[in-house]
Amino acid sequence: MDDGKTPTRKRNTRGEGSRLREEIIRAAFTVLREEGSIEAVGLRPVARAAGITAPSIYPHFATVEDLLAVMRDAIFAQVRDITRRAAKDTGSAALALYARAGAYVRIWVSQPAWRQLMFTAIPGHSQEAGEAAFVDLVKALEECVLEGTSVSDDPRTDAAHLISALHGLVLSRTVMSAFPWPPLEKSIGDITQRIARLSVRSDVCDAS
C-alpha cells in the first residue's frame, strides 16, 4: 500500500556517490517511461522512484534541467547506437540511409517521451550529443553522394530537412490519428528519397 512516504533505501557506503547518481538517472527514466512526458520528471517524483529523499539528489543534480540534460545525452547515445546497427550490412549507402530513417521513426513511435526530450532545448546545456547524432546522418547522406546514389549538393542542409520531415511525419500521425495516412513505411521511403535526392527506391523501412 502506498502511504505517500518516500520508500526506504539502503544507504551507499563512502565512495559510492557515482552509484547513487546512476540510480537517480535510472529512476528518472522510470518516471519518464511510466508518465510519458518530460514534464512529469521532477526531483521529487524521481526521488520517490529512487527510494531517496529529494535533497539527496542535489549533490548530483542541482536542478531538474541538469538531470534532463544528462537524460537527453543518454537518449542520443542510444539513438546513435540503434541507427548505426540498423544501417549495418545493408549493402549500400542508400539502403543504409533508408534504414537509418526507418530506425528514427521506430524510436519516435515507440518512445514518444524520448522524441519530446530530443527536441527540447535546455538552456545552459550543451547540444553536443544531439549534434553528434545529426553528424551521423549527414555522413550517411555524404556516403550516398560518394556512392552516386544521391545528387545532394548540400548534405548537411538536406539532412536537417530530412530529420525535420521525419519528425513531422511522426507528430502529424500522432495528432491526426484518424486521417487516412499512407502506409508508414511508404511515407518514410518517399520522404527519404525526395529530400535526400536518392536515385534508388527502397521499401525496407518497415516502421509499423
N, C-alpha and C. Protein backbone atom coordinates (compact mmCIF):
# COMPACT_ATOMS: atom_id res chain seq x y z
N MET A 1 0.85 -1.20 0.00
CA MET A 1 0.00 0.00 0.00
C MET A 1 0.88 1.24 0.00
N ASP A 2 0.51 2.23 -0.81
CA ASP A 2 1.28 3.46 -0.90
C ASP A 2 0.80 4.43 0.17
N ASP A 3 1.63 4.70 1.18
CA ASP A 3 1.24 5.62 2.25
C ASP A 3 1.74 7.03 1.99
N GLY A 4 2.31 7.26 0.77
CA GLY A 4 2.77 8.59 0.41
C GLY A 4 4.15 8.93 0.89
N LYS A 5 4.75 8.02 1.65
CA LYS A 5 6.10 8.28 2.17
C LYS A 5 7.16 7.83 1.18
N THR A 6 8.30 8.44 1.28
CA THR A 6 9.43 8.03 0.44
C THR A 6 9.90 6.65 0.85
N PRO A 7 9.98 5.69 -0.09
CA PRO A 7 10.42 4.34 0.28
C PRO A 7 11.84 4.36 0.80
N THR A 8 12.12 3.46 1.72
CA THR A 8 13.46 3.41 2.28
C THR A 8 14.42 2.77 1.31
N ARG A 9 15.67 3.15 1.41
CA ARG A 9 16.69 2.65 0.51
C ARG A 9 17.97 2.46 1.31
N LYS A 10 18.67 1.38 1.03
CA LYS A 10 19.94 1.13 1.70
C LYS A 10 20.94 2.21 1.32
N ARG A 11 21.55 2.83 2.32
CA ARG A 11 22.50 3.92 2.09
C ARG A 11 23.78 3.38 1.44
N ASN A 12 24.26 4.11 0.42
CA ASN A 12 25.53 3.74 -0.19
C ASN A 12 26.67 3.98 0.79
N THR A 13 27.68 3.16 0.73
CA THR A 13 28.86 3.37 1.56
C THR A 13 29.70 4.48 0.97
N ARG A 14 30.68 4.95 1.74
CA ARG A 14 31.54 6.04 1.30
C ARG A 14 32.21 5.69 -0.04
N GLY A 15 32.21 6.65 -0.96
CA GLY A 15 32.83 6.43 -2.25
C GLY A 15 31.89 5.88 -3.31
N GLU A 16 30.62 5.67 -2.92
CA GLU A 16 29.67 5.12 -3.89
C GLU A 16 28.72 6.19 -4.43
N GLY A 17 29.15 7.44 -4.39
CA GLY A 17 28.30 8.52 -4.88
C GLY A 17 27.94 8.37 -6.36
N SER A 18 28.90 7.86 -7.15
CA SER A 18 28.63 7.69 -8.57
C SER A 18 27.54 6.65 -8.79
N ARG A 19 27.49 5.66 -7.89
CA ARG A 19 26.44 4.65 -7.99
C ARG A 19 25.08 5.28 -7.74
N LEU A 20 24.99 6.15 -6.75
CA LEU A 20 23.72 6.83 -6.48
C LEU A 20 23.31 7.69 -7.67
N ARG A 21 24.28 8.34 -8.28
CA ARG A 21 23.97 9.18 -9.45
C ARG A 21 23.34 8.33 -10.55
N GLU A 22 23.88 7.15 -10.80
CA GLU A 22 23.32 6.27 -11.83
C GLU A 22 21.93 5.79 -11.44
N GLU A 23 21.72 5.55 -10.15
CA GLU A 23 20.40 5.13 -9.69
C GLU A 23 19.38 6.24 -9.90
N ILE A 24 19.79 7.47 -9.69
CA ILE A 24 18.91 8.62 -9.90
C ILE A 24 18.52 8.72 -11.38
N ILE A 25 19.50 8.54 -12.25
CA ILE A 25 19.22 8.60 -13.68
C ILE A 25 18.26 7.49 -14.09
N ARG A 26 18.50 6.27 -13.58
CA ARG A 26 17.59 5.17 -13.91
C ARG A 26 16.18 5.46 -13.40
N ALA A 27 16.09 6.02 -12.21
CA ALA A 27 14.78 6.36 -11.66
C ALA A 27 14.09 7.42 -12.51
N ALA A 28 14.86 8.37 -13.00
CA ALA A 28 14.29 9.41 -13.86
C ALA A 28 13.73 8.82 -15.14
N PHE A 29 14.44 7.85 -15.71
CA PHE A 29 13.93 7.19 -16.91
C PHE A 29 12.68 6.36 -16.60
N THR A 30 12.60 5.81 -15.40
CA THR A 30 11.40 5.09 -15.00
C THR A 30 10.20 6.03 -14.96
N VAL A 31 10.40 7.19 -14.38
CA VAL A 31 9.33 8.20 -14.33
C VAL A 31 8.94 8.63 -15.74
N LEU A 32 9.94 8.86 -16.58
CA LEU A 32 9.68 9.28 -17.95
C LEU A 32 8.87 8.22 -18.70
N ARG A 33 9.26 6.96 -18.53
CA ARG A 33 8.56 5.87 -19.22
C ARG A 33 7.13 5.70 -18.71
N GLU A 34 6.96 5.74 -17.40
CA GLU A 34 5.64 5.50 -16.83
C GLU A 34 4.68 6.65 -17.05
N GLU A 35 5.19 7.87 -17.02
CA GLU A 35 4.32 9.04 -17.18
C GLU A 35 4.22 9.50 -18.63
N GLY A 36 5.24 9.19 -19.44
CA GLY A 36 5.19 9.52 -20.86
C GLY A 36 5.38 10.97 -21.20
N SER A 37 5.95 11.75 -20.29
CA SER A 37 6.14 13.18 -20.55
C SER A 37 7.31 13.69 -19.73
N ILE A 38 8.09 14.58 -20.32
CA ILE A 38 9.22 15.13 -19.57
C ILE A 38 8.76 16.08 -18.47
N GLU A 39 7.54 16.62 -18.61
CA GLU A 39 7.02 17.50 -17.56
C GLU A 39 6.83 16.75 -16.25
N ALA A 40 6.69 15.43 -16.32
CA ALA A 40 6.50 14.62 -15.11
C ALA A 40 7.81 14.34 -14.39
N VAL A 41 8.93 14.63 -15.04
CA VAL A 41 10.23 14.34 -14.45
C VAL A 41 10.62 15.51 -13.55
N GLY A 42 10.29 15.40 -12.29
CA GLY A 42 10.68 16.39 -11.29
C GLY A 42 11.57 15.73 -10.26
N LEU A 43 12.24 16.53 -9.46
CA LEU A 43 13.17 15.96 -8.49
C LEU A 43 12.45 15.12 -7.44
N ARG A 44 11.27 15.54 -7.02
CA ARG A 44 10.55 14.76 -6.01
C ARG A 44 10.04 13.43 -6.57
N PRO A 45 9.39 13.41 -7.76
CA PRO A 45 8.98 12.12 -8.32
C PRO A 45 10.16 11.18 -8.55
N VAL A 46 11.28 11.74 -8.99
CA VAL A 46 12.46 10.91 -9.23
C VAL A 46 13.01 10.38 -7.90
N ALA A 47 13.01 11.22 -6.87
CA ALA A 47 13.47 10.77 -5.57
C ALA A 47 12.61 9.62 -5.05
N ARG A 48 11.30 9.73 -5.22
CA ARG A 48 10.41 8.65 -4.79
C ARG A 48 10.72 7.36 -5.55
N ALA A 49 10.93 7.49 -6.87
CA ALA A 49 11.22 6.30 -7.68
C ALA A 49 12.55 5.67 -7.30
N ALA A 50 13.50 6.50 -6.83
CA ALA A 50 14.82 6.00 -6.45
C ALA A 50 14.87 5.53 -5.01
N GLY A 51 13.81 5.85 -4.24
CA GLY A 51 13.80 5.46 -2.84
C GLY A 51 14.68 6.31 -1.97
N ILE A 52 14.81 7.59 -2.32
CA ILE A 52 15.65 8.50 -1.55
C ILE A 52 14.87 9.78 -1.28
N THR A 53 15.44 10.65 -0.49
CA THR A 53 14.82 11.95 -0.26
C THR A 53 15.27 12.92 -1.34
N ALA A 54 14.44 13.91 -1.63
CA ALA A 54 14.76 14.88 -2.69
C ALA A 54 16.10 15.58 -2.46
N PRO A 55 16.43 15.99 -1.21
CA PRO A 55 17.73 16.65 -1.00
C PRO A 55 18.93 15.79 -1.38
N SER A 56 18.74 14.46 -1.39
CA SER A 56 19.85 13.57 -1.76
C SER A 56 20.24 13.72 -3.22
N ILE A 57 19.35 14.29 -4.02
CA ILE A 57 19.62 14.45 -5.45
C ILE A 57 20.53 15.65 -5.71
N TYR A 58 20.42 16.68 -4.86
CA TYR A 58 21.08 17.94 -5.16
C TYR A 58 22.60 17.87 -5.34
N PRO A 59 23.32 17.03 -4.60
CA PRO A 59 24.77 16.96 -4.86
C PRO A 59 25.10 16.44 -6.26
N HIS A 60 24.15 15.78 -6.88
CA HIS A 60 24.37 15.20 -8.21
C HIS A 60 23.71 16.02 -9.32
N PHE A 61 22.54 16.56 -9.02
CA PHE A 61 21.79 17.36 -9.99
C PHE A 61 21.16 18.53 -9.25
N ALA A 62 21.70 19.72 -9.47
CA ALA A 62 21.22 20.89 -8.74
C ALA A 62 19.81 21.28 -9.17
N THR A 63 19.47 21.01 -10.42
CA THR A 63 18.16 21.37 -10.95
C THR A 63 17.63 20.22 -11.80
N VAL A 64 16.34 20.25 -12.05
CA VAL A 64 15.76 19.21 -12.92
C VAL A 64 16.29 19.35 -14.33
N GLU A 65 16.65 20.57 -14.74
CA GLU A 65 17.22 20.77 -16.07
C GLU A 65 18.56 20.05 -16.21
N ASP A 66 19.35 20.05 -15.14
CA ASP A 66 20.62 19.32 -15.16
C ASP A 66 20.37 17.83 -15.38
N LEU A 67 19.36 17.31 -14.72
CA LEU A 67 19.01 15.89 -14.86
C LEU A 67 18.50 15.59 -16.27
N LEU A 68 17.61 16.44 -16.77
CA LEU A 68 17.06 16.24 -18.11
C LEU A 68 18.15 16.29 -19.17
N ALA A 69 19.14 17.16 -18.98
CA ALA A 69 20.23 17.26 -19.95
C ALA A 69 21.04 15.97 -20.02
N VAL A 70 21.29 15.37 -18.87
CA VAL A 70 22.02 14.09 -18.84
C VAL A 70 21.16 12.99 -19.48
N MET A 71 19.88 13.00 -19.21
CA MET A 71 18.98 12.02 -19.82
C MET A 71 18.96 12.18 -21.33
N ARG A 72 18.92 13.41 -21.78
CA ARG A 72 18.89 13.66 -23.23
C ARG A 72 20.17 13.15 -23.89
N ASP A 73 21.31 13.39 -23.26
CA ASP A 73 22.57 12.88 -23.80
C ASP A 73 22.55 11.36 -23.89
N ALA A 74 22.00 10.71 -22.85
CA ALA A 74 21.92 9.25 -22.85
C ALA A 74 21.00 8.74 -23.96
N ILE A 75 19.92 9.46 -24.20
CA ILE A 75 19.00 9.07 -25.27
C ILE A 75 19.68 9.18 -26.62
N PHE A 76 20.38 10.28 -26.85
CA PHE A 76 21.08 10.44 -28.12
C PHE A 76 22.13 9.36 -28.32
N ALA A 77 22.80 8.97 -27.25
CA ALA A 77 23.79 7.90 -27.36
C ALA A 77 23.12 6.60 -27.80
N GLN A 78 21.96 6.31 -27.22
CA GLN A 78 21.25 5.09 -27.60
C GLN A 78 20.72 5.19 -29.03
N VAL A 79 20.24 6.36 -29.40
CA VAL A 79 19.75 6.56 -30.77
C VAL A 79 20.88 6.35 -31.77
N ARG A 80 22.06 6.85 -31.47
CA ARG A 80 23.19 6.65 -32.37
C ARG A 80 23.51 5.17 -32.52
N ASP A 81 23.45 4.45 -31.43
CA ASP A 81 23.73 3.02 -31.48
C ASP A 81 22.66 2.27 -32.28
N ILE A 82 21.40 2.60 -32.04
CA ILE A 82 20.30 1.93 -32.73
C ILE A 82 20.35 2.20 -34.23
N THR A 83 20.55 3.45 -34.62
CA THR A 83 20.58 3.78 -36.04
C THR A 83 21.82 3.21 -36.72
N ARG A 84 22.93 3.16 -35.99
CA ARG A 84 24.15 2.58 -36.55
C ARG A 84 23.95 1.08 -36.82
N ARG A 85 23.34 0.40 -35.88
CA ARG A 85 23.09 -1.03 -36.08
C ARG A 85 22.07 -1.28 -37.19
N ALA A 86 21.09 -0.39 -37.31
CA ALA A 86 20.10 -0.55 -38.38
C ALA A 86 20.73 -0.42 -39.75
N ALA A 87 21.73 0.46 -39.85
CA ALA A 87 22.37 0.72 -41.15
C ALA A 87 23.46 -0.29 -41.50
N LYS A 88 23.85 -1.09 -40.53
CA LYS A 88 24.96 -2.02 -40.74
C LYS A 88 24.58 -3.14 -41.70
N ASP A 89 25.50 -3.46 -42.59
CA ASP A 89 25.35 -4.60 -43.51
C ASP A 89 24.09 -4.50 -44.38
N THR A 90 23.72 -3.30 -44.76
CA THR A 90 22.54 -3.13 -45.62
C THR A 90 22.87 -3.29 -47.10
N GLY A 91 24.15 -3.22 -47.44
CA GLY A 91 24.56 -3.49 -48.82
C GLY A 91 24.90 -2.27 -49.64
N SER A 92 24.41 -1.10 -49.24
CA SER A 92 24.75 0.12 -49.98
C SER A 92 24.50 1.33 -49.09
N ALA A 93 25.09 2.45 -49.46
CA ALA A 93 24.90 3.68 -48.68
C ALA A 93 23.44 4.13 -48.72
N ALA A 94 22.80 3.96 -49.88
CA ALA A 94 21.40 4.36 -49.99
C ALA A 94 20.50 3.53 -49.09
N LEU A 95 20.70 2.22 -49.10
CA LEU A 95 19.91 1.36 -48.23
C LEU A 95 20.19 1.65 -46.77
N ALA A 96 21.42 2.01 -46.45
CA ALA A 96 21.78 2.36 -45.07
C ALA A 96 21.04 3.62 -44.64
N LEU A 97 20.91 4.58 -45.54
CA LEU A 97 20.21 5.81 -45.20
C LEU A 97 18.72 5.55 -44.99
N TYR A 98 18.13 4.74 -45.85
CA TYR A 98 16.73 4.36 -45.65
C TYR A 98 16.56 3.67 -44.30
N ALA A 99 17.49 2.79 -43.97
CA ALA A 99 17.41 2.06 -42.70
C ALA A 99 17.51 3.01 -41.51
N ARG A 100 18.40 3.99 -41.60
CA ARG A 100 18.53 4.99 -40.53
C ARG A 100 17.23 5.77 -40.37
N ALA A 101 16.64 6.15 -41.48
CA ALA A 101 15.39 6.91 -41.42
C ALA A 101 14.30 6.07 -40.75
N GLY A 102 14.20 4.81 -41.14
CA GLY A 102 13.22 3.93 -40.52
C GLY A 102 13.46 3.75 -39.04
N ALA A 103 14.73 3.66 -38.65
CA ALA A 103 15.07 3.47 -37.24
C ALA A 103 14.65 4.69 -36.42
N TYR A 104 14.91 5.88 -36.96
CA TYR A 104 14.48 7.10 -36.25
C TYR A 104 12.98 7.08 -36.00
N VAL A 105 12.21 6.75 -37.04
CA VAL A 105 10.76 6.75 -36.90
C VAL A 105 10.30 5.69 -35.90
N ARG A 106 10.90 4.53 -35.94
CA ARG A 106 10.53 3.48 -34.99
C ARG A 106 10.78 3.93 -33.55
N ILE A 107 11.91 4.59 -33.34
CA ILE A 107 12.22 5.10 -32.00
C ILE A 107 11.15 6.09 -31.55
N TRP A 108 10.83 7.03 -32.42
CA TRP A 108 9.89 8.09 -32.03
C TRP A 108 8.47 7.57 -31.85
N VAL A 109 8.09 6.56 -32.62
CA VAL A 109 6.76 5.98 -32.47
C VAL A 109 6.67 5.19 -31.15
N SER A 110 7.70 4.42 -30.85
CA SER A 110 7.67 3.56 -29.66
C SER A 110 8.05 4.30 -28.38
N GLN A 111 8.81 5.41 -28.53
CA GLN A 111 9.27 6.16 -27.36
C GLN A 111 8.95 7.65 -27.53
N PRO A 112 7.66 8.01 -27.45
CA PRO A 112 7.31 9.42 -27.68
C PRO A 112 7.96 10.39 -26.71
N ALA A 113 8.19 9.95 -25.46
CA ALA A 113 8.84 10.84 -24.50
C ALA A 113 10.30 11.07 -24.87
N TRP A 114 10.94 10.06 -25.45
CA TRP A 114 12.31 10.26 -25.97
C TRP A 114 12.29 11.34 -27.04
N ARG A 115 11.34 11.21 -27.96
CA ARG A 115 11.25 12.19 -29.04
C ARG A 115 11.06 13.59 -28.48
N GLN A 116 10.20 13.71 -27.49
CA GLN A 116 9.96 15.01 -26.87
C GLN A 116 11.24 15.59 -26.28
N LEU A 117 11.99 14.77 -25.57
CA LEU A 117 13.20 15.27 -24.93
C LEU A 117 14.29 15.57 -25.95
N MET A 118 14.38 14.77 -27.02
CA MET A 118 15.38 15.02 -28.06
C MET A 118 15.19 16.39 -28.70
N PHE A 119 13.95 16.84 -28.79
CA PHE A 119 13.66 18.10 -29.46
C PHE A 119 13.35 19.22 -28.47
N THR A 120 13.80 19.07 -27.24
CA THR A 120 13.59 20.09 -26.22
C THR A 120 14.89 20.84 -25.96
N ALA A 121 14.85 22.14 -26.08
CA ALA A 121 16.02 22.97 -25.77
C ALA A 121 16.15 23.10 -24.26
N ILE A 122 17.34 22.89 -23.75
CA ILE A 122 17.60 23.03 -22.32
C ILE A 122 18.66 24.12 -22.16
N PRO A 123 18.24 25.35 -21.86
CA PRO A 123 19.18 26.47 -21.78
C PRO A 123 20.35 26.18 -20.84
N GLY A 124 21.53 26.59 -21.30
CA GLY A 124 22.72 26.45 -20.48
C GLY A 124 23.37 25.09 -20.54
N HIS A 125 22.83 24.20 -21.39
CA HIS A 125 23.39 22.86 -21.51
C HIS A 125 23.81 22.56 -22.94
N SER A 126 24.86 21.79 -23.08
CA SER A 126 25.46 21.51 -24.38
C SER A 126 24.51 20.74 -25.30
N GLN A 127 24.60 21.05 -26.59
CA GLN A 127 23.86 20.33 -27.62
C GLN A 127 24.76 19.31 -28.33
N GLU A 128 25.93 19.05 -27.73
CA GLU A 128 26.94 18.24 -28.40
C GLU A 128 26.45 16.83 -28.75
N ALA A 129 25.71 16.20 -27.84
CA ALA A 129 25.25 14.83 -28.11
C ALA A 129 24.27 14.80 -29.28
N GLY A 130 23.39 15.77 -29.33
CA GLY A 130 22.46 15.84 -30.45
C GLY A 130 23.15 16.16 -31.76
N GLU A 131 24.14 17.03 -31.70
CA GLU A 131 24.91 17.36 -32.90
C GLU A 131 25.65 16.14 -33.41
N ALA A 132 26.19 15.32 -32.51
CA ALA A 132 26.92 14.11 -32.93
C ALA A 132 25.98 13.15 -33.65
N ALA A 133 24.75 13.02 -33.15
CA ALA A 133 23.77 12.15 -33.80
C ALA A 133 23.42 12.70 -35.18
N PHE A 134 23.29 14.01 -35.27
CA PHE A 134 22.96 14.63 -36.55
C PHE A 134 24.11 14.45 -37.55
N VAL A 135 25.34 14.58 -37.08
CA VAL A 135 26.51 14.40 -37.96
C VAL A 135 26.52 12.99 -38.54
N ASP A 136 26.08 12.01 -37.76
CA ASP A 136 25.98 10.64 -38.28
C ASP A 136 25.09 10.61 -39.53
N LEU A 137 23.97 11.32 -39.45
CA LEU A 137 23.04 11.34 -40.58
C LEU A 137 23.64 12.09 -41.76
N VAL A 138 24.33 13.19 -41.49
CA VAL A 138 24.99 13.94 -42.56
C VAL A 138 26.01 13.06 -43.27
N LYS A 139 26.81 12.34 -42.50
CA LYS A 139 27.82 11.46 -43.10
C LYS A 139 27.17 10.35 -43.91
N ALA A 140 26.03 9.85 -43.44
CA ALA A 140 25.32 8.80 -44.18
C ALA A 140 24.86 9.32 -45.53
N LEU A 141 24.41 10.56 -45.57
CA LEU A 141 24.00 11.15 -46.84
C LEU A 141 25.21 11.45 -47.72
N GLU A 142 26.29 11.90 -47.11
CA GLU A 142 27.51 12.14 -47.88
C GLU A 142 28.00 10.86 -48.55
N GLU A 143 27.85 9.73 -47.85
CA GLU A 143 28.25 8.45 -48.44
C GLU A 143 27.38 8.10 -49.64
N CYS A 144 26.13 8.49 -49.61
CA CYS A 144 25.26 8.28 -50.77
C CYS A 144 25.73 9.10 -51.96
N VAL A 145 26.19 10.33 -51.68
CA VAL A 145 26.72 11.17 -52.75
C VAL A 145 27.96 10.53 -53.36
N LEU A 146 28.86 10.06 -52.50
CA LEU A 146 30.07 9.40 -52.99
C LEU A 146 29.74 8.12 -53.76
N GLU A 147 28.70 7.45 -53.34
CA GLU A 147 28.27 6.22 -53.99
C GLU A 147 27.64 6.49 -55.35
N GLY A 148 27.15 7.72 -55.53
CA GLY A 148 26.49 8.08 -56.78
C GLY A 148 24.99 7.85 -56.76
N THR A 149 24.44 7.57 -55.57
CA THR A 149 23.00 7.34 -55.48
C THR A 149 22.24 8.57 -54.97
N SER A 150 22.95 9.65 -54.67
CA SER A 150 22.32 10.91 -54.28
C SER A 150 22.98 12.06 -55.03
N VAL A 151 22.16 13.02 -55.45
CA VAL A 151 22.68 14.20 -56.14
C VAL A 151 22.65 15.42 -55.22
N SER A 152 22.57 15.18 -53.90
CA SER A 152 22.57 16.29 -52.96
C SER A 152 23.85 17.11 -53.12
N ASP A 153 23.70 18.43 -53.17
CA ASP A 153 24.87 19.32 -53.23
C ASP A 153 25.10 20.03 -51.90
N ASP A 154 24.28 19.69 -50.90
CA ASP A 154 24.42 20.26 -49.56
C ASP A 154 23.89 19.24 -48.56
N PRO A 155 24.67 18.18 -48.29
CA PRO A 155 24.20 17.11 -47.42
C PRO A 155 23.77 17.57 -46.03
N ARG A 156 24.45 18.56 -45.47
CA ARG A 156 24.08 18.99 -44.12
C ARG A 156 22.68 19.61 -44.11
N THR A 157 22.41 20.47 -45.08
CA THR A 157 21.08 21.07 -45.14
C THR A 157 20.01 20.03 -45.45
N ASP A 158 20.31 19.14 -46.38
CA ASP A 158 19.33 18.11 -46.73
C ASP A 158 19.10 17.16 -45.55
N ALA A 159 20.13 16.86 -44.79
CA ALA A 159 19.96 16.01 -43.61
C ALA A 159 19.08 16.70 -42.56
N ALA A 160 19.26 18.01 -42.42
CA ALA A 160 18.42 18.77 -41.49
C ALA A 160 16.96 18.73 -41.93
N HIS A 161 16.74 18.89 -43.24
CA HIS A 161 15.38 18.81 -43.76
C HIS A 161 14.80 17.41 -43.55
N LEU A 162 15.63 16.40 -43.73
CA LEU A 162 15.16 15.02 -43.58
C LEU A 162 14.74 14.73 -42.15
N ILE A 163 15.56 15.11 -41.17
CA ILE A 163 15.22 14.82 -39.79
C ILE A 163 13.97 15.60 -39.38
N SER A 164 13.83 16.81 -39.90
CA SER A 164 12.65 17.61 -39.60
C SER A 164 11.40 16.99 -40.21
N ALA A 165 11.52 16.51 -41.44
CA ALA A 165 10.36 15.91 -42.11
C ALA A 165 9.95 14.60 -41.44
N LEU A 166 10.90 13.79 -41.03
CA LEU A 166 10.57 12.54 -40.36
C LEU A 166 9.91 12.81 -39.01
N HIS A 167 10.42 13.81 -38.30
CA HIS A 167 9.79 14.19 -37.03
C HIS A 167 8.37 14.69 -37.27
N GLY A 168 8.20 15.49 -38.31
CA GLY A 168 6.87 15.98 -38.63
C GLY A 168 5.92 14.85 -39.02
N LEU A 169 6.46 13.85 -39.69
CA LEU A 169 5.66 12.69 -40.07
C LEU A 169 5.10 12.00 -38.83
N VAL A 170 5.95 11.75 -37.85
CA VAL A 170 5.52 11.07 -36.64
C VAL A 170 4.53 11.94 -35.87
N LEU A 171 4.85 13.23 -35.74
CA LEU A 171 3.99 14.13 -34.98
C LEU A 171 2.62 14.26 -35.63
N SER A 172 2.58 14.40 -36.95
CA SER A 172 1.31 14.54 -37.66
C SER A 172 0.44 13.30 -37.49
N ARG A 173 1.04 12.13 -37.62
CA ARG A 173 0.28 10.90 -37.49
C ARG A 173 -0.19 10.67 -36.06
N THR A 174 0.55 11.23 -35.10
CA THR A 174 0.15 11.11 -33.70
C THR A 174 -1.04 12.02 -33.40
N VAL A 175 -0.97 13.25 -33.88
CA VAL A 175 -2.02 14.23 -33.60
C VAL A 175 -3.28 13.94 -34.40
N MET A 176 -3.11 13.50 -35.65
CA MET A 176 -4.26 13.26 -36.54
C MET A 176 -4.35 11.77 -36.85
N SER A 177 -4.58 10.98 -35.83
CA SER A 177 -4.56 9.52 -35.99
C SER A 177 -5.70 9.01 -36.87
N ALA A 178 -6.79 9.77 -37.00
CA ALA A 178 -7.94 9.32 -37.79
C ALA A 178 -7.79 9.64 -39.27
N PHE A 179 -6.79 10.42 -39.63
CA PHE A 179 -6.59 10.79 -41.04
C PHE A 179 -6.14 9.56 -41.82
N PRO A 180 -6.61 9.41 -43.06
CA PRO A 180 -6.21 8.23 -43.86
C PRO A 180 -4.80 8.36 -44.44
N TRP A 181 -3.81 8.26 -43.57
CA TRP A 181 -2.43 8.39 -44.00
C TRP A 181 -2.01 7.21 -44.87
N PRO A 182 -1.05 7.42 -45.76
CA PRO A 182 -0.46 6.29 -46.50
C PRO A 182 0.25 5.36 -45.50
N PRO A 183 0.57 4.15 -45.90
CA PRO A 183 1.33 3.26 -45.01
C PRO A 183 2.60 3.95 -44.53
N LEU A 184 2.92 3.74 -43.27
CA LEU A 184 4.05 4.47 -42.68
C LEU A 184 5.35 4.20 -43.41
N GLU A 185 5.60 2.92 -43.75
CA GLU A 185 6.86 2.60 -44.43
C GLU A 185 6.97 3.29 -45.79
N LYS A 186 5.83 3.45 -46.47
CA LYS A 186 5.85 4.16 -47.75
C LYS A 186 6.19 5.62 -47.55
N SER A 187 5.62 6.23 -46.52
CA SER A 187 5.91 7.63 -46.23
C SER A 187 7.38 7.84 -45.90
N ILE A 188 7.94 6.94 -45.09
CA ILE A 188 9.37 7.05 -44.75
C ILE A 188 10.22 6.98 -46.01
N GLY A 189 9.92 5.99 -46.86
CA GLY A 189 10.70 5.83 -48.09
C GLY A 189 10.57 7.03 -49.02
N ASP A 190 9.34 7.51 -49.21
CA ASP A 190 9.12 8.65 -50.11
C ASP A 190 9.83 9.90 -49.60
N ILE A 191 9.68 10.18 -48.32
CA ILE A 191 10.30 11.37 -47.73
C ILE A 191 11.83 11.29 -47.86
N THR A 192 12.38 10.14 -47.51
CA THR A 192 13.83 9.98 -47.56
C THR A 192 14.34 10.11 -48.99
N GLN A 193 13.67 9.48 -49.93
CA GLN A 193 14.12 9.53 -51.31
C GLN A 193 14.11 10.96 -51.85
N ARG A 194 13.03 11.68 -51.59
CA ARG A 194 12.89 13.02 -52.17
C ARG A 194 13.83 14.03 -51.51
N ILE A 195 13.91 14.01 -50.20
CA ILE A 195 14.74 15.01 -49.52
C ILE A 195 16.23 14.71 -49.69
N ALA A 196 16.59 13.44 -49.65
CA ALA A 196 17.99 13.06 -49.83
C ALA A 196 18.38 12.99 -51.30
N ARG A 197 17.41 13.18 -52.18
CA ARG A 197 17.65 13.19 -53.63
C ARG A 197 18.29 11.89 -54.10
N LEU A 198 17.68 10.80 -53.66
CA LEU A 198 18.21 9.48 -53.99
C LEU A 198 17.67 8.99 -55.33
N SER A 199 18.52 8.31 -56.07
CA SER A 199 18.12 7.78 -57.37
C SER A 199 17.59 6.36 -57.28
N VAL A 200 17.67 5.78 -56.10
CA VAL A 200 17.17 4.42 -55.89
C VAL A 200 16.07 4.45 -54.84
N ARG A 201 15.13 3.55 -54.99
CA ARG A 201 13.99 3.47 -54.08
C ARG A 201 14.09 2.21 -53.25
N SER A 202 13.67 2.31 -52.01
CA SER A 202 13.70 1.12 -51.15
C SER A 202 12.43 1.04 -50.33
N ASP A 203 11.95 -0.17 -50.12
CA ASP A 203 10.79 -0.40 -49.26
C ASP A 203 11.20 -1.17 -48.01
N VAL A 204 12.47 -1.02 -47.62
CA VAL A 204 12.95 -1.76 -46.46
C VAL A 204 12.58 -1.10 -45.15
N CYS A 205 12.06 0.13 -45.21
CA CYS A 205 11.77 0.87 -43.98
C CYS A 205 10.41 0.46 -43.43
N ASP A 206 10.37 -0.59 -42.68
CA ASP A 206 9.13 -1.05 -42.09
C ASP A 206 9.08 -0.61 -40.65
N ALA A 207 8.38 0.50 -40.38
CA ALA A 207 8.32 1.04 -39.03
C ALA A 207 6.96 0.76 -38.40
N SER A 208 6.17 -0.08 -38.99
CA SER A 208 4.84 -0.33 -38.43
C SER A 208 4.93 -1.25 -37.24
